Amino acid sequence: MAGLNDCWTETGHDGAQAGIQLNLTPIGARLLFGVALSELAGRVVHLDDLLPRAHRGLAERLAARPDWDDRFDMVESFIAARLAEARLEVGTVAWACRRIEASAGAVDIGRLASELGYSGKHLIALFRDRVGVPPKVLARLVRFDHLVRRLKWGPQTTWAALAAEFGFADQAHLTREIRGFTGVTPTDARALLGDLTFG
């Protein structure tokens, strides 16, 4: 399980791998694993370290299944069982996350807290528990995700135009964010995305 992170991480493997990858929303992960996501932010944790005893060894049991249909059925049953056991109110933070996503990360966090009737401090605490990062960090991640989608599938344009389109203070701000999230320059990031899209 990899928690949310606001910086790049280099990964690698020996050239061969097989598995099932689940891309969970942060709130889905909070319900599935039952731990405050602040404990997982910026970390990679072995699945067995997060699961109750009844579900440990899930990866080994999946590998022993005879075919992919059986594996997918097992994963779906696991998710359904864990969500049925979850007893945590997440509606408020889910609503706030939807607002951040709908605004492409451009929502005013102070106003968001006021609309919910919470102090900024309380909203941050809720987000750390249910999402793993404060709402401002989530907004930065959402804005960057929208930028990446635009770079992959939108028409070519200048970095200055992209900075204006996505609400960055200026092109230098956009450059800092791209470097921080990817570890490469904007030009290199665009080239990498082109390779992923068309390669």
C-alpha atoms as a PDB file:
ATOM      1  CA  MET A   1       0.000   0.000   0.000  1.00  0.00           C
ATOM      2  CA  ALA A   2       1.424   3.347  -1.060  1.00  0.00           C
ATOM      3  CA  GLY A   3      -0.004   6.395   0.665  1.00  0.00           C
ATOM      4  CA  LEU A   4      -0.396   9.824  -0.907  1.00  0.00           C
ATOM      5  CA  ASN A   5       2.811  11.758  -1.363  1.00  0.00           C
ATOM      6  CA  ASP A   6       3.531  15.228  -2.657  1.00  0.00           C
ATOM      7  CA  CYS A   7       6.919  14.415  -4.148  1.00  0.00           C
ATOM      8  CA  TRP A   8       8.277  11.965  -6.679  1.00  0.00           C
ATOM      9  CA  THR A   9       9.454   8.456  -5.868  1.00  0.00           C
ATOM     10  CA  GLU A  10      11.666   6.233  -7.960  1.00  0.00           C
ATOM     11  CA  THR A  11      10.638   2.588  -8.193  1.00  0.00           C
ATOM     12  CA  GLY A  12      12.049  -0.422  -9.963  1.00  0.00           C
ATOM     13  CA  HIS A  13      11.824  -4.175 -10.280  1.00  0.00           C
ATOM     14  CA  ASP A  14      13.837  -7.024 -11.765  1.00  0.00           C
ATOM     15  CA  GLY A  15      12.047  -6.930 -15.121  1.00  0.00           C
ATOM     16  CA  ALA A  16       9.178  -9.329 -14.487  1.00  0.00           C
ATOM     17  CA  GLN A  17       6.149  -8.917 -12.285  1.00  0.00           C
ATOM     18  CA  ALA A  18       2.559 -10.051 -12.000  1.00  0.00           C
ATOM     19  CA  GLY A  19      -0.159  -8.783  -9.761  1.00  0.00           C
ATOM     20  CA  ILE A  20      -3.323  -6.828  -9.215  1.00  0.00           C
ATOM     21  CA  GLN A  21      -3.139  -3.095  -8.660  1.00  0.00           C
ATOM     22  CA  LEU A  22      -6.000  -1.347  -6.924  1.00  0.00           C
ATOM     23  CA  ASN A  23      -6.180   2.413  -7.335  1.00  0.00           C
ATOM     24  CA  LEU A  24      -8.243   3.514  -4.363  1.00  0.00           C
ATOM     25  CA  THR A  25      -9.559   6.920  -3.491  1.00  0.00           C
ATOM     26  CA  PRO A  26      -8.003   8.096  -0.231  1.00  0.00           C
ATOM     27  CA  ILE A  27     -11.354   7.725   1.542  1.00  0.00           C
ATOM     28  CA  GLY A  28     -11.768   4.239   0.058  1.00  0.00           C
ATOM     29  CA  ALA A  29      -8.339   3.325   1.415  1.00  0.00           C
ATOM     30  CA  ARG A  30      -9.259   4.756   4.838  1.00  0.00           C
ATOM     31  CA  LEU A  31     -12.369   2.578   4.958  1.00  0.00           C
ATOM     32  CA  LEU A  32     -10.617  -0.490   3.544  1.00  0.00           C
ATOM     33  CA  PHE A  33      -7.604  -0.464   5.873  1.00  0.00           C
ATOM     34  CA  GLY A  34      -9.145   1.128   8.980  1.00  0.00           C
ATOM     35  CA  VAL A  35      -6.091   3.225   9.858  1.00  0.00           C
ATOM     36  CA  ALA A  36      -5.541   6.974   9.780  1.00  0.00           C
ATOM     37  CA  LEU A  37      -4.058   7.679   6.365  1.00  0.00           C
ATOM     38  CA  SER A  38      -1.606  10.152   7.891  1.00  0.00           C
ATOM     39  CA  GLU A  39       0.231   7.010   9.064  1.00  0.00           C
ATOM     40  CA  LEU A  40       0.641   5.942   5.418  1.00  0.00           C
ATOM     41  CA  ALA A  41       1.300   9.305   3.727  1.00  0.00           C
ATOM     42  CA  GLY A  42       4.630   9.256   1.916  1.00  0.00           C
ATOM     43  CA  ARG A  43       5.203   5.607   2.794  1.00  0.00           C
ATOM     44  CA  VAL A  44       4.874   2.162   1.264  1.00  0.00           C
ATOM     45  CA  VAL A  45       3.598  -0.443   3.730  1.00  0.00           C
ATOM     46  CA  HIS A  46       3.264  -4.201   3.251  1.00  0.00           C
ATOM     47  CA  LEU A  47      -0.373  -5.158   2.806  1.00  0.00           C
ATOM     48  CA  ASP A  48      -0.273  -7.725   5.617  1.00  0.00           C
ATOM     49  CA  ASP A  49       0.783  -4.990   8.054  1.00  0.00           C
ATOM     50  CA  LEU A  50      -2.514  -3.192   7.399  1.00  0.00           C
ATOM     51  CA  LEU A  51      -4.985  -6.040   7.401  1.00  0.00           C
ATOM     52  CA  PRO A  52      -6.717  -7.783  10.285  1.00  0.00           C
ATOM     53  CA  ARG A  53      -5.618 -11.353  10.928  1.00  0.00           C
ATOM     54  CA  ALA A  54      -8.518 -12.829   8.929  1.00  0.00           C
ATOM     55  CA  HIS A  55      -7.307 -11.152   5.734  1.00  0.00           C
ATOM     56  CA  ARG A  56      -3.541 -11.533   6.080  1.00  0.00           C
ATOM     57  CA  GLY A  57      -1.816 -13.566   3.380  1.00  0.00           C
ATOM     58  CA  LEU A  58      -4.184 -12.177   0.747  1.00  0.00           C
ATOM     59  CA  ALA A  59      -1.408 -11.867  -1.858  1.00  0.00           C
ATOM     60  CA  GLU A  60      -0.351 -15.489  -1.402  1.00  0.00           C
ATOM     61  CA  ARG A  61      -3.950 -16.710  -1.583  1.00  0.00           C
ATOM     62  CA  LEU A  62      -4.470 -14.698  -4.770  1.00  0.00           C
ATOM     63  CA  ALA A  63      -1.332 -16.193  -6.329  1.00  0.00           C
ATOM     64  CA  ALA A  64      -2.592 -19.701  -5.528  1.00  0.00           C
ATOM     65  CA  ARG A  65      -5.891 -19.184  -7.371  1.00  0.00           C
ATOM     66  CA  PRO A  66      -6.112 -21.057 -10.694  1.00  0.00           C
ATOM     67  CA  ASP A  67      -7.159 -18.138 -12.913  1.00  0.00           C
ATOM     68  CA  TRP A  68      -7.699 -14.381 -13.051  1.00  0.00           C
ATOM     69  CA  ASP A  69     -11.482 -14.585 -12.723  1.00  0.00           C
ATOM     70  CA  ASP A  70     -11.067 -16.344  -9.372  1.00  0.00           C
ATOM     71  CA  ARG A  71      -8.533 -13.740  -8.286  1.00  0.00           C
ATOM     72  CA  PHE A  72     -10.810 -10.850  -9.204  1.00  0.00           C
ATOM     73  CA  ASP A  73     -13.697 -12.522  -7.356  1.00  0.00           C
ATOM     74  CA  MET A  74     -11.484 -12.865  -4.270  1.00  0.00           C
ATOM     75  CA  VAL A  75     -10.466  -9.200  -4.410  1.00  0.00           C
ATOM     76  CA  GLU A  76     -14.080  -8.085  -4.802  1.00  0.00           C
ATOM     77  CA  SER A  77     -15.137 -10.247  -1.849  1.00  0.00           C
ATOM     78  CA  PHE A  78     -12.282  -8.843   0.253  1.00  0.00           C
ATOM     79  CA  ILE A  79     -13.260  -5.249  -0.560  1.00  0.00           C
ATOM     80  CA  ALA A  80     -16.956  -5.888   0.119  1.00  0.00           C
ATOM     81  CA  ALA A  81     -16.185  -7.522   3.471  1.00  0.00           C
ATOM     82  CA  ARG A  82     -13.882  -4.723   4.606  1.00  0.00           C
ATOM     83  CA  LEU A  83     -16.304  -1.975   3.576  1.00  0.00           C
ATOM     84  CA  ALA A  84     -19.166  -3.754   5.343  1.00  0.00           C
ATOM     85  CA  GLU A  85     -17.066  -3.735   8.541  1.00  0.00           C
ATOM     86  CA  ALA A  86     -16.129  -0.028   8.267  1.00  0.00           C
ATOM     87  CA  ARG A  87     -17.712   2.219  10.898  1.00  0.00           C
ATOM     88  CA  LEU A  88     -16.371   5.678  10.137  1.00  0.00           C
ATOM     89  CA  GLU A  89     -18.168   8.859   9.071  1.00  0.00           C
ATOM     90  CA  VAL A  90     -16.564  10.048   5.833  1.00  0.00           C
ATOM     91  CA  GLY A  91     -19.365  12.037   4.182  1.00  0.00           C
ATOM     92  CA  THR A  92     -18.057  15.472   5.157  1.00  0.00           C
ATOM     93  CA  VAL A  93     -14.542  14.868   3.872  1.00  0.00           C
ATOM     94  CA  ALA A  94     -15.885  13.099   0.769  1.00  0.00           C
ATOM     95  CA  TRP A  95     -17.964  16.201  -0.002  1.00  0.00           C
ATOM     96  CA  ALA A  96     -14.909  18.431   0.487  1.00  0.00           C
ATOM     97  CA  CYS A  97     -12.811  16.164  -1.757  1.00  0.00           C
ATOM     98  CA  ARG A  98     -15.455  16.378  -4.486  1.00  0.00           C
ATOM     99  CA  ARG A  99     -15.362  20.182  -4.243  1.00  0.00           C
ATOM    100  CA  ILE A 100     -11.562  20.171  -4.572  1.00  0.00           C
ATOM    101  CA  GLU A 101     -11.754  17.845  -7.579  1.00  0.00           C
ATOM    102  CA  ALA A 102     -14.556  19.834  -9.244  1.00  0.00           C
ATOM    103  CA  SER A 103     -12.482  23.013  -8.966  1.00  0.00           C
ATOM    104  CA  ALA A 104      -9.376  21.259 -10.382  1.00  0.00           C
ATOM    105  CA  GLY A 105      -7.647  22.104  -7.103  1.00  0.00           C
ATOM    106  CA  ALA A 106      -8.488  25.819  -7.219  1.00  0.00           C
ATOM    107  CA  VAL A 107     -10.864  25.880  -4.238  1.00  0.00           C
ATOM    108  CA  ASP A 108     -10.250  28.315  -1.365  1.00  0.00           C
ATOM    109  CA  ILE A 109      -9.589  26.055   1.640  1.00  0.00           C
ATOM    110  CA  GLY A 110     -10.583  28.719   4.200  1.00  0.00           C
ATOM    111  CA  ARG A 111     -13.933  29.166   2.479  1.00  0.00           C
ATOM    112  CA  LEU A 112     -14.352  25.384   2.283  1.00  0.00           C
ATOM    113  CA  ALA A 113     -13.838  25.113   6.064  1.00  0.00           C
ATOM    114  CA  SER A 114     -16.359  27.914   6.636  1.00  0.00           C
ATOM    115  CA  GLU A 115     -18.954  26.241   4.417  1.00  0.00           C
ATOM    116  CA  LEU A 116     -18.573  23.085   6.505  1.00  0.00           C
ATOM    117  CA  GLY A 117     -18.761  25.048   9.764  1.00  0.00           C
ATOM    118  CA  TYR A 118     -15.296  23.896  10.827  1.00  0.00           C
ATOM    119  CA  SER A 119     -12.153  25.693  11.819  1.00  0.00           C
ATOM    120  CA  GLY A 120      -9.249  25.329   9.415  1.00  0.00           C
ATOM    121  CA  LYS A 121      -7.426  23.311  12.083  1.00  0.00           C
ATOM    122  CA  HIS A 122     -10.314  20.838  12.430  1.00  0.00           C
ATOM    123  CA  LEU A 123     -10.616  20.431   8.650  1.00  0.00           C
ATOM    124  CA  ILE A 124      -6.882  19.725   8.405  1.00  0.00           C
ATOM    125  CA  ALA A 125      -7.162  17.089  11.154  1.00  0.00           C
ATOM    126  CA  LEU A 126     -10.081  15.399   9.358  1.00  0.00           C
ATOM    127  CA  PHE A 127      -8.163  15.378   6.075  1.00  0.00           C
ATOM    128  CA  ARG A 128      -5.023  13.955   7.675  1.00  0.00           C
ATOM    129  CA  ASP A 129      -7.093  11.096   9.083  1.00  0.00           C
ATOM    130  CA  ARG A 130      -9.338  10.338   6.107  1.00  0.00           C
ATOM    131  CA  VAL A 131      -7.120  11.416   3.171  1.00  0.00           C
ATOM    132  CA  GLY A 132      -3.594  11.389   4.570  1.00  0.00           C
ATOM    133  CA  VAL A 133      -2.640  14.947   3.666  1.00  0.00           C
ATOM    134  CA  PRO A 134      -4.061  18.403   4.461  1.00  0.00           C
ATOM    135  CA  PRO A 135      -6.624  19.838   2.035  1.00  0.00           C
ATOM    136  CA  LYS A 136      -4.112  22.292   0.513  1.00  0.00           C
ATOM    137  CA  VAL A 137      -1.780  19.427  -0.376  1.00  0.00           C
ATOM    138  CA  LEU A 138      -4.677  17.471  -1.876  1.00  0.00           C
ATOM    139  CA  ALA A 139      -5.621  20.564  -3.905  1.00  0.00           C
ATOM    140  CA  ARG A 140      -2.031  20.763  -5.224  1.00  0.00           C
ATOM    141  CA  LEU A 141      -2.123  17.072  -6.187  1.00  0.00           C
ATOM    142  CA  VAL A 142      -5.484  17.483  -7.927  1.00  0.00           C
ATOM    143  CA  ARG A 143      -4.281  20.551  -9.843  1.00  0.00           C
ATOM    144  CA  PHE A 144      -1.153  18.679 -10.916  1.00  0.00           C
ATOM    145  CA  ASP A 145      -3.235  15.684 -12.027  1.00  0.00           C
ATOM    146  CA  HIS A 146      -5.389  17.981 -14.175  1.00  0.00           C
ATOM    147  CA  LEU A 147      -2.229  19.510 -15.648  1.00  0.00           C
ATOM    148  CA  VAL A 148      -0.862  16.051 -16.481  1.00  0.00           C
ATOM    149  CA  ARG A 149      -4.110  15.092 -18.227  1.00  0.00           C
ATOM    150  CA  ARG A 150      -3.995  18.333 -20.195  1.00  0.00           C
ATOM    151  CA  LEU A 151      -0.382  17.666 -21.227  1.00  0.00           C
ATOM    152  CA  LYS A 152      -1.248  14.114 -22.304  1.00  0.00           C
ATOM    153  CA  TRP A 153      -4.415  14.758 -24.252  1.00  0.00           C
ATOM    154  CA  GLY A 154      -4.812  18.487 -24.832  1.00  0.00           C
ATOM    155  CA  PRO A 155      -3.416  20.663 -27.591  1.00  0.00           C
ATOM    156  CA  GLN A 156       0.172  21.898 -27.318  1.00  0.00           C
ATOM    157  CA  THR A 157       0.546  25.319 -25.707  1.00  0.00           C
ATOM    158  CA  THR A 158       3.139  27.335 -23.827  1.00  0.00           C
ATOM    159  CA  TRP A 159       4.086  26.812 -20.192  1.00  0.00           C
ATOM    160  CA  ALA A 160       2.972  30.383 -19.428  1.00  0.00           C
ATOM    161  CA  ALA A 161      -0.474  29.653 -20.886  1.00  0.00           C
ATOM    162  CA  LEU A 162      -0.703  26.435 -18.862  1.00  0.00           C
ATOM    163  CA  ALA A 163       0.300  28.303 -15.695  1.00  0.00           C
ATOM    164  CA  ALA A 164      -2.539  30.769 -16.268  1.00  0.00           C
ATOM    165  CA  GLU A 165      -5.031  28.048 -17.225  1.00  0.00           C
ATOM    166  CA  PHE A 166      -4.418  26.024 -14.051  1.00  0.00           C
ATOM    167  CA  GLY A 167      -4.148  28.898 -11.578  1.00  0.00           C
ATOM    168  CA  PHE A 168      -0.420  28.852 -10.886  1.00  0.00           C
ATOM    169  CA  ALA A 169       0.970  32.213  -9.767  1.00  0.00           C
ATOM    170  CA  ASP A 170       3.263  32.256 -12.806  1.00  0.00           C
ATOM    171  CA  GLN A 171       5.383  29.997 -15.012  1.00  0.00           C
ATOM    172  CA  ALA A 172       8.092  29.750 -12.333  1.00  0.00           C
ATOM    173  CA  HIS A 173       5.491  28.424  -9.867  1.00  0.00           C
ATOM    174  CA  LEU A 174       4.341  25.816 -12.394  1.00  0.00           C
ATOM    175  CA  THR A 175       7.991  24.811 -12.984  1.00  0.00           C
ATOM    176  CA  ARG A 176       8.613  24.358  -9.234  1.00  0.00           C
ATOM    177  CA  GLU A 177       5.511  22.199  -8.886  1.00  0.00           C
ATOM    178  CA  ILE A 178       6.434  19.983 -11.842  1.00  0.00           C
ATOM    179  CA  ARG A 179       9.986  19.536 -10.535  1.00  0.00           C
ATOM    180  CA  GLY A 180       8.693  18.811  -7.040  1.00  0.00           C
ATOM    181  CA  PHE A 181       6.178  16.212  -8.178  1.00  0.00           C
ATOM    182  CA  THR A 182       8.270  14.546 -10.893  1.00  0.00           C
ATOM    183  CA  GLY A 183      11.939  15.266 -10.211  1.00  0.00           C
ATOM    184  CA  VAL A 184      12.412  16.458 -13.815  1.00  0.00           C
ATOM    185  CA  THR A 185      12.056  19.681 -15.774  1.00  0.00           C
ATOM    186  CA  PRO A 186       8.731  20.555 -17.419  1.00  0.00           C
ATOM    187  CA  THR A 187      10.203  19.826 -20.861  1.00  0.00           C
ATOM    188  CA  ASP A 188      11.402  16.380 -19.719  1.00  0.00           C
ATOM    189  CA  ALA A 189       8.041  15.718 -18.031  1.00  0.00           C
ATOM    190  CA  ARG A 190       6.205  16.541 -21.271  1.00  0.00           C
ATOM    191  CA  ALA A 191       8.507  14.193 -23.206  1.00  0.00           C
ATOM    192  CA  LEU A 192       7.959  11.385 -20.674  1.00  0.00           C
ATOM    193  CA  LEU A 193       4.198  11.821 -20.887  1.00  0.00           C
ATOM    194  CA  GLY A 194       4.410  11.664 -24.667  1.00  0.00           C
ATOM    195  CA  ASP A 195       6.303   8.374 -24.404  1.00  0.00           C
ATOM    196  CA  LEU A 196       3.676   6.984 -22.015  1.00  0.00           C
ATOM    197  CA  THR A 197       0.796   8.130 -24.180  1.00  0.00           C
ATOM    198  CA  PHE A 198       2.061   7.031 -27.571  1.00  0.00           C
ATOM    199  CA  GLY A 199       4.900   4.585 -26.815  1.00  0.00           C
END
